[in-house]
């Protein structure tokens, strides 16, 4: 599964890890993705969304499912 936000398309960014001796090696910074159930065309779907999209309410979370024990 790709490390991409379903809402904003945020991807890993690239750069260098720089040591004290100024040696440079490649590294990646990953976005903070969470798997959440959201409404897509009125139906719940499980997708990966970054925490900034969750905090800013860019997505609409699906309501919790009712368990069978709670409805009886």
N, C-alpha and C. Protein backbone atom coordinates (compact mmCIF):
# COMPACT_ATOMS: atom_id res chain seq x y z
N UNK A 1 0.84 -1.17 0.00
CA UNK A 1 0.00 0.00 0.00
C UNK A 1 0.89 1.24 0.00
N UNK A 2 0.54 2.20 -0.85
CA UNK A 2 1.35 3.41 -0.97
C UNK A 2 1.19 4.30 0.25
N UNK A 3 2.23 5.05 0.57
CA UNK A 3 2.20 5.97 1.71
C UNK A 3 1.76 7.34 1.21
N UNK A 4 0.49 7.43 0.78
CA UNK A 4 -0.06 8.65 0.20
C UNK A 4 -1.38 8.96 0.87
N UNK A 5 -1.60 10.24 1.22
CA UNK A 5 -2.87 10.66 1.80
C UNK A 5 -3.94 10.63 0.73
N UNK A 6 -5.08 10.04 1.04
CA UNK A 6 -6.17 9.94 0.08
C UNK A 6 -6.82 11.29 -0.16
N UNK A 7 -6.76 12.19 0.79
CA UNK A 7 -7.44 13.48 0.69
C UNK A 7 -6.59 14.53 -0.02
N UNK A 8 -5.38 14.79 0.47
CA UNK A 8 -4.57 15.88 -0.08
C UNK A 8 -3.44 15.39 -0.98
N UNK A 9 -3.15 14.09 -0.99
CA UNK A 9 -2.11 13.56 -1.86
C UNK A 9 -0.70 13.73 -1.31
N UNK A 10 -0.59 13.99 0.01
CA UNK A 10 0.73 14.16 0.62
C UNK A 10 1.51 12.86 0.52
N UNK A 11 2.79 12.97 0.12
CA UNK A 11 3.67 11.81 -0.10
C UNK A 11 4.91 11.95 0.77
N UNK A 12 5.73 10.91 0.83
CA UNK A 12 7.00 11.04 1.54
C UNK A 12 7.89 12.09 0.87
N UNK A 13 8.65 12.83 1.68
CA UNK A 13 9.60 13.78 1.13
C UNK A 13 11.01 13.21 1.30
N UNK A 14 11.91 13.68 0.47
CA UNK A 14 13.26 13.13 0.40
C UNK A 14 14.27 14.16 0.83
N UNK A 15 15.40 13.70 1.32
CA UNK A 15 16.48 14.60 1.70
C UNK A 15 17.70 13.80 2.11
N UNK A 16 18.58 14.45 2.86
CA UNK A 16 19.81 13.82 3.32
C UNK A 16 19.86 13.79 4.83
N UNK A 17 20.36 12.69 5.36
CA UNK A 17 20.76 12.65 6.76
C UNK A 17 22.21 13.11 6.79
N UNK A 18 22.50 14.14 7.58
CA UNK A 18 23.84 14.70 7.61
C UNK A 18 24.48 14.35 8.94
N UNK A 19 25.62 13.67 8.89
CA UNK A 19 26.32 13.26 10.11
C UNK A 19 27.17 14.41 10.63
N UNK A 20 27.73 14.20 11.79
CA UNK A 20 28.61 15.21 12.38
C UNK A 20 29.84 15.44 11.49
N UNK A 21 30.25 14.40 10.78
CA UNK A 21 31.39 14.52 9.86
C UNK A 21 30.95 15.03 8.49
N UNK A 22 29.71 15.50 8.41
CA UNK A 22 29.12 16.06 7.18
C UNK A 22 28.99 15.03 6.07
N UNK A 23 28.90 13.73 6.45
CA UNK A 23 28.58 12.69 5.47
C UNK A 23 27.08 12.77 5.19
N UNK A 24 26.70 12.63 3.92
CA UNK A 24 25.29 12.74 3.55
C UNK A 24 24.79 11.41 3.01
N UNK A 25 23.75 10.88 3.62
CA UNK A 25 23.10 9.67 3.13
C UNK A 25 21.63 9.97 2.92
N UNK A 26 21.04 9.27 1.97
CA UNK A 26 19.65 9.53 1.61
C UNK A 26 18.71 9.07 2.72
N UNK A 27 17.60 9.79 2.89
CA UNK A 27 16.57 9.39 3.85
C UNK A 27 15.23 9.91 3.37
N UNK A 28 14.16 9.42 4.02
CA UNK A 28 12.80 9.83 3.66
C UNK A 28 12.07 10.26 4.93
N UNK A 29 11.20 11.26 4.79
CA UNK A 29 10.28 11.66 5.86
C UNK A 29 8.90 11.22 5.42
N UNK A 30 8.23 10.42 6.27
CA UNK A 30 6.92 9.89 5.93
C UNK A 30 5.82 10.74 6.54
N UNK A 31 4.70 10.92 5.83
CA UNK A 31 3.57 11.63 6.41
C UNK A 31 2.91 10.77 7.48
N UNK A 32 2.27 11.42 8.45
CA UNK A 32 1.60 10.71 9.54
C UNK A 32 0.22 10.29 9.04
N UNK A 33 0.12 9.08 8.51
CA UNK A 33 -1.12 8.58 7.93
C UNK A 33 -1.85 7.70 8.92
N UNK A 34 -3.16 7.86 8.97
CA UNK A 34 -4.03 7.05 9.82
C UNK A 34 -5.08 6.41 8.94
N UNK A 35 -5.44 5.18 9.25
CA UNK A 35 -6.50 4.50 8.52
C UNK A 35 -7.83 4.81 9.20
N UNK A 36 -8.74 5.43 8.45
CA UNK A 36 -10.04 5.83 8.99
C UNK A 36 -11.13 5.42 8.02
N UNK A 37 -12.35 5.30 8.57
CA UNK A 37 -13.52 5.04 7.74
C UNK A 37 -14.15 6.38 7.40
N UNK A 38 -14.24 6.69 6.08
CA UNK A 38 -14.85 7.93 5.66
C UNK A 38 -16.01 7.63 4.72
N UNK A 39 -16.83 8.63 4.50
CA UNK A 39 -17.94 8.49 3.56
C UNK A 39 -17.46 8.87 2.17
N UNK A 40 -17.56 7.92 1.24
CA UNK A 40 -17.23 8.15 -0.16
C UNK A 40 -18.48 7.85 -0.95
N UNK A 41 -19.06 8.89 -1.56
CA UNK A 41 -20.31 8.77 -2.31
C UNK A 41 -21.41 8.17 -1.46
N UNK A 42 -21.43 8.55 -0.18
CA UNK A 42 -22.49 8.10 0.72
C UNK A 42 -22.27 6.74 1.36
N UNK A 43 -21.19 6.07 1.01
CA UNK A 43 -20.91 4.74 1.56
C UNK A 43 -19.61 4.77 2.34
N UNK A 44 -19.52 4.05 3.46
CA UNK A 44 -18.27 4.05 4.23
C UNK A 44 -17.18 3.27 3.50
N UNK A 45 -15.96 3.81 3.57
CA UNK A 45 -14.81 3.18 2.95
C UNK A 45 -13.62 3.41 3.85
N UNK A 46 -12.71 2.46 3.93
CA UNK A 46 -11.53 2.57 4.77
C UNK A 46 -10.37 3.08 3.92
N UNK A 47 -9.83 4.25 4.29
CA UNK A 47 -8.74 4.85 3.52
C UNK A 47 -7.68 5.38 4.47
N UNK A 48 -6.52 5.74 3.91
CA UNK A 48 -5.43 6.32 4.70
C UNK A 48 -5.43 7.83 4.49
N UNK A 49 -5.49 8.57 5.60
CA UNK A 49 -5.59 10.02 5.57
C UNK A 49 -4.54 10.58 6.51
N UNK A 50 -3.91 11.71 6.14
CA UNK A 50 -2.92 12.32 7.02
C UNK A 50 -3.63 13.03 8.17
N UNK A 51 -2.90 13.22 9.26
CA UNK A 51 -3.51 13.80 10.46
C UNK A 51 -3.87 15.26 10.26
N UNK A 52 -3.21 15.98 9.37
CA UNK A 52 -3.59 17.37 9.12
C UNK A 52 -4.95 17.46 8.46
N UNK A 53 -5.29 16.50 7.59
CA UNK A 53 -6.62 16.48 6.99
C UNK A 53 -7.67 16.12 8.03
N UNK A 54 -7.32 15.24 8.97
CA UNK A 54 -8.26 14.90 10.04
C UNK A 54 -8.52 16.09 10.95
N UNK A 55 -7.46 16.82 11.33
CA UNK A 55 -7.60 17.96 12.23
C UNK A 55 -8.38 19.10 11.59
N UNK A 56 -8.21 19.31 10.29
CA UNK A 56 -8.85 20.44 9.62
C UNK A 56 -10.24 20.10 9.10
N UNK A 57 -10.73 18.88 9.37
CA UNK A 57 -12.06 18.44 8.93
C UNK A 57 -12.23 18.49 7.42
N UNK A 58 -11.20 18.15 6.69
CA UNK A 58 -11.30 18.08 5.23
C UNK A 58 -12.05 16.84 4.78
N UNK A 59 -12.16 15.87 5.67
CA UNK A 59 -12.87 14.63 5.34
C UNK A 59 -14.03 14.46 6.31
N UNK A 60 -15.02 13.69 5.91
CA UNK A 60 -16.15 13.41 6.77
C UNK A 60 -16.07 11.95 7.20
N UNK A 61 -15.86 11.74 8.50
CA UNK A 61 -15.73 10.38 9.01
C UNK A 61 -17.09 9.70 8.97
N UNK A 62 -17.07 8.40 8.72
CA UNK A 62 -18.31 7.61 8.69
C UNK A 62 -18.78 7.38 10.12
N UNK A 63 -20.09 7.32 10.35
CA UNK A 63 -20.58 7.04 11.71
C UNK A 63 -20.21 5.64 12.14
N UNK A 64 -20.14 5.45 13.46
CA UNK A 64 -19.78 4.13 13.98
C UNK A 64 -20.88 3.13 13.67
N UNK A 65 -20.46 1.89 13.45
CA UNK A 65 -21.42 0.83 13.20
C UNK A 65 -22.07 0.40 14.50
N UNK A 66 -23.34 0.09 14.47
CA UNK A 66 -24.05 -0.42 15.63
C UNK A 66 -23.75 -1.91 15.77
N UNK A 67 -23.38 -2.33 16.98
CA UNK A 67 -23.14 -3.75 17.19
C UNK A 67 -24.47 -4.46 17.38
N UNK A 68 -24.48 -5.76 17.17
CA UNK A 68 -25.70 -6.54 17.30
C UNK A 68 -26.19 -6.57 18.74
N UNK A 69 -25.26 -6.57 19.70
CA UNK A 69 -25.64 -6.63 21.10
C UNK A 69 -26.30 -5.32 21.55
N UNK A 70 -25.89 -4.20 20.96
CA UNK A 70 -26.44 -2.91 21.36
C UNK A 70 -27.84 -2.71 20.81
N UNK A 71 -28.15 -3.30 19.67
CA UNK A 71 -29.47 -3.10 19.07
C UNK A 71 -30.50 -4.04 19.65
N UNK A 72 -30.07 -5.16 20.26
CA UNK A 72 -31.03 -6.14 20.79
C UNK A 72 -31.54 -5.77 22.16
